[in-house]
Amino acid sequence: ERFNHRAQLAVYVLLMEENYKEAVDHALMWYTGNGSPSIIPMGAVEKKHIVQARNFLAAALGKETLPNVLQDQRTCSYCCQKDRCMALHKLIEGGNSTSSGLG
């Protein structure tokens, strides 16, 4: 399973905990190629990281700034937001493939 799948599950878990007022420590992921669901443990650390990322992004948006580009080929190659991030980097910051670290 990829990190972004676990992150998405953690977001759903946090939403469920908020909505139902109950702790959720597992999530169910069904990868279509597997043929069966996987039970994924959701620890407090994973949920904490999602809340921290949300708070970081909310603070940046509140200041009308964007977080810095990571400039990490390995991390960015798996990111589902890479295209949007690079477009914003180019349009707003005047960046290019070299300044993004992906060129």
Protein backbone atom coordinates (compact mmCIF):
# COMPACT_ATOMS: atom_id res chain seq x y z
CA GLU A 1 0.00 0.00 0.00
CA ARG A 2 1.21 3.47 -0.74
CA PHE A 3 1.62 6.31 1.72
CA ASN A 4 -1.09 8.43 0.07
CA HIS A 5 -3.60 5.59 0.51
CA ARG A 6 -2.80 5.40 4.21
CA ALA A 7 -3.02 9.18 4.48
CA GLN A 8 -6.43 9.15 2.82
CA LEU A 9 -7.57 6.39 5.17
CA ALA A 10 -6.34 8.42 8.13
CA VAL A 11 -8.41 11.40 6.96
CA TYR A 12 -11.50 9.19 6.71
CA VAL A 13 -10.79 7.75 10.15
CA LEU A 14 -10.52 11.25 11.62
CA LEU A 15 -13.81 12.25 9.97
CA MET A 16 -15.51 9.12 11.31
CA GLU A 17 -14.20 9.76 14.81
CA GLU A 18 -15.49 13.32 14.68
CA ASN A 19 -18.86 12.33 13.26
CA TYR A 20 -19.56 9.29 15.44
CA LYS A 21 -17.67 10.44 18.58
CA GLU A 22 -15.91 7.08 18.83
CA ALA A 23 -12.28 6.05 18.49
CA VAL A 24 -11.42 4.22 15.27
CA ASP A 25 -8.17 2.27 15.20
CA HIS A 26 -8.53 0.27 11.98
CA ALA A 27 -9.64 0.98 8.42
CA LEU A 28 -10.63 -1.30 5.60
CA MET A 29 -8.88 -0.97 2.22
CA TRP A 30 -9.95 -2.95 -0.78
CA TYR A 31 -7.36 -3.00 -3.56
CA THR A 32 -9.16 -4.16 -6.68
CA GLY A 33 -6.29 -6.40 -7.78
CA ASN A 34 -6.18 -8.27 -4.46
CA GLY A 35 -9.66 -9.72 -4.51
CA SER A 36 -10.06 -9.27 -0.79
CA PRO A 37 -10.05 -6.38 1.68
CA SER A 38 -7.11 -5.53 3.93
CA ILE A 39 -7.53 -4.33 7.49
CA ILE A 40 -5.16 -1.42 8.02
CA PRO A 41 -4.29 -0.35 11.59
CA MET A 42 -4.57 3.41 12.14
CA GLY A 43 -2.41 4.54 15.01
CA ALA A 44 -2.41 7.81 16.86
CA VAL A 45 0.87 8.82 15.21
CA GLU A 46 -0.59 8.58 11.69
CA LYS A 47 -3.64 10.58 12.68
CA LYS A 48 -1.40 13.14 14.39
CA HIS A 49 0.65 13.59 11.21
CA ILE A 50 -2.49 14.23 9.16
CA VAL A 51 -3.71 16.85 11.64
CA GLN A 52 -0.26 18.50 11.62
CA ALA A 53 -0.21 18.59 7.80
CA ARG A 54 -3.71 20.06 7.79
CA ASN A 55 -2.73 22.73 10.32
CA PHE A 56 0.44 23.58 8.37
CA LEU A 57 -1.54 24.00 5.15
CA ALA A 58 -4.32 25.98 6.86
CA ALA A 59 -1.74 28.34 8.36
CA ALA A 60 -0.06 28.84 4.98
CA LEU A 61 -3.39 29.52 3.29
CA GLY A 62 -4.34 31.92 6.09
CA LYS A 63 -1.20 33.91 5.30
CA GLU A 64 -1.95 33.59 1.57
CA THR A 65 1.36 31.83 0.99
CA LEU A 66 2.20 28.37 -0.27
CA PRO A 67 4.42 25.82 1.45
CA ASN A 68 7.87 25.49 -0.10
CA VAL A 69 8.35 22.97 -2.89
CA LEU A 70 9.99 19.87 -1.39
CA GLN A 71 12.56 19.60 -4.19
CA ASP A 72 12.70 15.84 -3.70
CA GLN A 73 12.41 13.71 -6.84
CA ARG A 74 11.66 10.52 -4.90
CA THR A 75 8.91 11.98 -2.70
CA CYS A 76 7.34 14.11 -5.42
CA SER A 77 7.22 11.30 -7.98
CA TYR A 78 4.60 9.49 -5.85
CA CYS A 79 2.57 12.57 -4.96
CA CYS A 80 -0.97 12.76 -6.31
CA GLN A 81 -0.74 16.58 -6.22
CA LYS A 82 2.53 16.88 -8.16
CA ASP A 83 0.95 18.38 -11.30
CA ARG A 84 -0.98 21.01 -9.34
CA CYS A 85 2.01 21.78 -7.16
CA MET A 86 4.32 22.26 -10.16
CA ALA A 87 1.72 24.40 -11.94
CA LEU A 88 1.41 26.68 -8.90
CA HIS A 89 5.18 26.76 -8.50
CA LYS A 90 5.49 27.96 -12.09
CA LEU A 91 2.55 30.38 -12.15
CA ILE A 92 2.84 31.98 -8.73
CA GLU A 93 6.54 31.66 -7.93
CA GLY A 94 7.95 31.83 -11.46
CA GLY A 95 9.57 28.45 -10.90
CA ASN A 96 10.87 25.94 -13.41
CA SER A 97 12.02 22.31 -13.47
CA THR A 98 15.39 23.26 -11.98
CA SER A 99 13.99 25.31 -9.09
CA SER A 100 11.43 22.59 -8.37
CA GLY A 101 14.20 20.02 -7.95
CA LEU A 102 12.47 17.70 -10.40
CA GLY A 103 14.28 18.70 -13.59
